[in-house]
């Protein structure tokens, strides 16, 4: 019984510590979910209000040189994946997996080595999310209203 109580207390303490601000963890890699959700929430009509910084969190786990810009009806980011991300195709698949995990309401209607496409919302009020290679060594995330 003492062992079970010790395990329960240890587990509770670990869960509590995990939620404390400033607590360091070995897997503290940036999560792109907050950035993805923020960008998609702006769509389809408010994408031009986004700033270059709004998209950097999407790329941060994979690359440090994200360049993002808003235009009328769209938002795009381009970045170079880290060397440890593997090939450009592997990095593209990893970012697509993040999109699918972070946006469970999104429909993933194209899954190919050269293009990943998702959309959120009904026809006429839809936000499209497209991930493609940009040249031989970069990725491009494009979010647009449809």
Protein backbone atom coordinates (compact mmCIF):
# COMPACT_ATOMS: atom_id res chain seq x y z
CA UNK A 1 0.00 0.00 0.00
CA UNK A 2 2.87 2.37 0.81
CA UNK A 3 4.39 1.81 -2.64
CA UNK A 4 1.09 2.66 -4.33
CA UNK A 5 0.72 5.82 -2.20
CA UNK A 6 4.32 6.83 -3.01
CA UNK A 7 3.68 6.32 -6.75
CA UNK A 8 0.47 8.35 -6.58
CA UNK A 9 2.21 11.22 -4.76
CA UNK A 10 5.15 11.09 -7.19
CA UNK A 11 2.83 11.14 -10.19
CA UNK A 12 0.84 14.05 -8.73
CA UNK A 13 4.03 16.01 -8.07
CA UNK A 14 5.27 15.34 -11.61
CA UNK A 15 1.97 16.51 -13.10
CA UNK A 16 2.01 19.63 -10.95
CA UNK A 17 5.61 20.45 -11.90
CA UNK A 18 4.79 19.98 -15.58
CA UNK A 19 2.25 22.78 -15.36
CA UNK A 20 4.43 25.31 -13.55
CA UNK A 21 5.61 28.26 -15.62
CA UNK A 22 9.33 28.30 -16.10
CA UNK A 23 9.69 24.59 -15.46
CA UNK A 24 12.26 23.22 -17.91
CA UNK A 25 11.70 19.95 -19.72
CA UNK A 26 13.85 18.01 -22.12
CA UNK A 27 11.13 18.18 -24.79
CA UNK A 28 10.53 21.94 -24.64
CA UNK A 29 10.56 22.30 -28.43
CA UNK A 30 8.24 25.02 -29.60
CA UNK A 31 4.75 23.88 -30.45
CA UNK A 32 3.27 25.29 -33.64
CA UNK A 33 -0.33 24.80 -32.44
CA UNK A 34 -0.88 28.25 -30.96
CA UNK A 35 0.44 29.94 -34.11
CA UNK A 36 -1.59 27.70 -36.43
CA UNK A 37 -4.78 28.25 -34.46
CA UNK A 38 -4.21 32.03 -34.39
CA UNK A 39 -3.64 32.19 -38.15
CA UNK A 40 -6.64 30.00 -39.00
CA UNK A 41 -8.85 31.97 -36.58
CA UNK A 42 -8.06 35.12 -38.61
CA UNK A 43 -9.31 33.49 -41.81
CA UNK A 44 -10.87 33.64 -44.16
CA UNK A 45 -11.44 37.41 -44.10
CA UNK A 46 -8.87 38.70 -41.62
CA UNK A 47 -5.63 37.17 -42.86
CA UNK A 48 -4.30 40.54 -44.02
CA UNK A 49 -4.33 41.71 -40.37
CA UNK A 50 -1.69 39.15 -39.37
CA UNK A 51 1.89 40.23 -38.70
CA UNK A 52 5.12 38.55 -39.85
CA UNK A 53 5.65 37.32 -36.27
CA UNK A 54 2.30 35.50 -36.18
CA UNK A 55 3.58 32.66 -38.36
CA UNK A 56 7.04 32.20 -36.93
CA UNK A 57 5.77 29.74 -34.32
CA UNK A 58 4.68 27.35 -37.07
CA UNK A 59 8.22 27.13 -38.44
CA UNK A 60 10.12 27.42 -35.17
CA UNK A 61 10.33 23.69 -34.40
CA UNK A 62 11.78 23.12 -37.87
CA UNK A 63 13.67 26.26 -38.90
CA UNK A 64 14.88 29.58 -37.55
CA UNK A 65 14.63 31.79 -40.62
CA UNK A 66 10.85 32.08 -41.15
CA UNK A 67 9.80 34.96 -43.32
CA UNK A 68 6.06 35.60 -43.17
CA UNK A 69 3.85 38.19 -44.80
CA UNK A 70 0.19 39.01 -45.09
CA UNK A 71 -1.51 40.11 -48.27
CA UNK A 72 -5.13 40.69 -49.16
CA UNK A 73 -6.84 37.39 -48.46
CA UNK A 74 -3.70 35.36 -47.75
CA UNK A 75 -0.82 34.77 -45.37
CA UNK A 76 2.45 33.04 -46.32
CA UNK A 77 5.56 31.87 -44.53
CA UNK A 78 8.72 30.42 -46.03
CA UNK A 79 11.59 28.84 -44.08
CA UNK A 80 14.57 26.52 -44.37
CA UNK A 81 14.19 23.34 -42.30
CA UNK A 82 17.00 22.46 -39.89
CA UNK A 83 19.44 19.84 -41.17
CA UNK A 84 18.28 17.40 -38.47
CA UNK A 85 14.73 17.56 -39.89
CA UNK A 86 15.87 15.23 -42.68
CA UNK A 87 14.96 15.82 -46.28
CA UNK A 88 12.65 18.60 -47.38
CA UNK A 89 9.98 15.94 -48.00
CA UNK A 90 10.38 14.61 -44.43
CA UNK A 91 10.09 18.12 -43.01
CA UNK A 92 7.00 18.74 -45.13
CA UNK A 93 5.41 15.56 -43.75
CA UNK A 94 6.30 16.56 -40.17
CA UNK A 95 4.71 20.00 -40.51
CA UNK A 96 1.63 18.42 -42.12
CA UNK A 97 1.36 16.07 -39.15
CA UNK A 98 1.47 19.09 -36.84
CA UNK A 99 -1.30 20.78 -38.82
CA UNK A 100 -3.45 17.65 -38.60
CA UNK A 101 -2.80 17.28 -34.87
CA UNK A 102 -3.28 20.95 -34.01
CA UNK A 103 -6.36 21.46 -36.15
CA UNK A 104 -8.47 18.31 -35.76
CA UNK A 105 -11.43 20.08 -37.39
CA UNK A 106 -9.44 20.56 -40.61
CA UNK A 107 -10.10 18.34 -43.60
CA UNK A 108 -6.88 16.94 -45.09
CA UNK A 109 -7.84 16.57 -48.74
CA UNK A 110 -4.43 16.26 -50.38
CA UNK A 111 -1.48 14.30 -49.04
CA UNK A 112 1.42 13.98 -51.46
CA UNK A 113 5.19 14.34 -51.13
CA UNK A 114 5.04 17.69 -52.91
CA UNK A 115 1.85 19.18 -51.51
CA UNK A 116 -0.20 18.99 -48.36
CA UNK A 117 -3.60 20.68 -48.40
CA UNK A 118 -6.12 21.20 -45.61
CA UNK A 119 -9.20 23.32 -45.23
CA UNK A 120 -11.32 24.52 -42.34
CA UNK A 121 -14.90 25.73 -42.62
CA UNK A 122 -17.77 25.47 -45.02
CA UNK A 123 -17.66 26.38 -48.70
CA UNK A 124 -17.75 30.16 -49.05
CA UNK A 125 -16.30 30.65 -45.55
CA UNK A 126 -13.35 28.33 -45.94
CA UNK A 127 -9.74 28.80 -44.91
CA UNK A 128 -7.28 26.78 -47.00
CA UNK A 129 -3.89 25.70 -45.65
CA UNK A 130 -1.31 24.59 -48.20
CA UNK A 131 2.19 23.36 -47.47
CA UNK A 132 4.62 22.91 -50.36
CA UNK A 133 8.35 22.88 -51.02
CA UNK A 134 9.74 26.26 -52.05
CA UNK A 135 12.73 25.47 -54.19
CA UNK A 136 15.01 22.64 -53.21
CA UNK A 137 15.62 23.57 -49.58
CA UNK A 138 12.67 25.53 -48.20
CA UNK A 139 9.06 25.03 -47.22
CA UNK A 140 6.14 27.37 -47.87
CA UNK A 141 3.00 27.58 -45.80
CA UNK A 142 0.17 29.46 -47.49
CA UNK A 143 -3.12 30.19 -45.77
CA UNK A 144 -5.90 31.76 -47.78
CA UNK A 145 -9.59 32.50 -47.61
CA UNK A 146 -11.83 30.86 -50.16
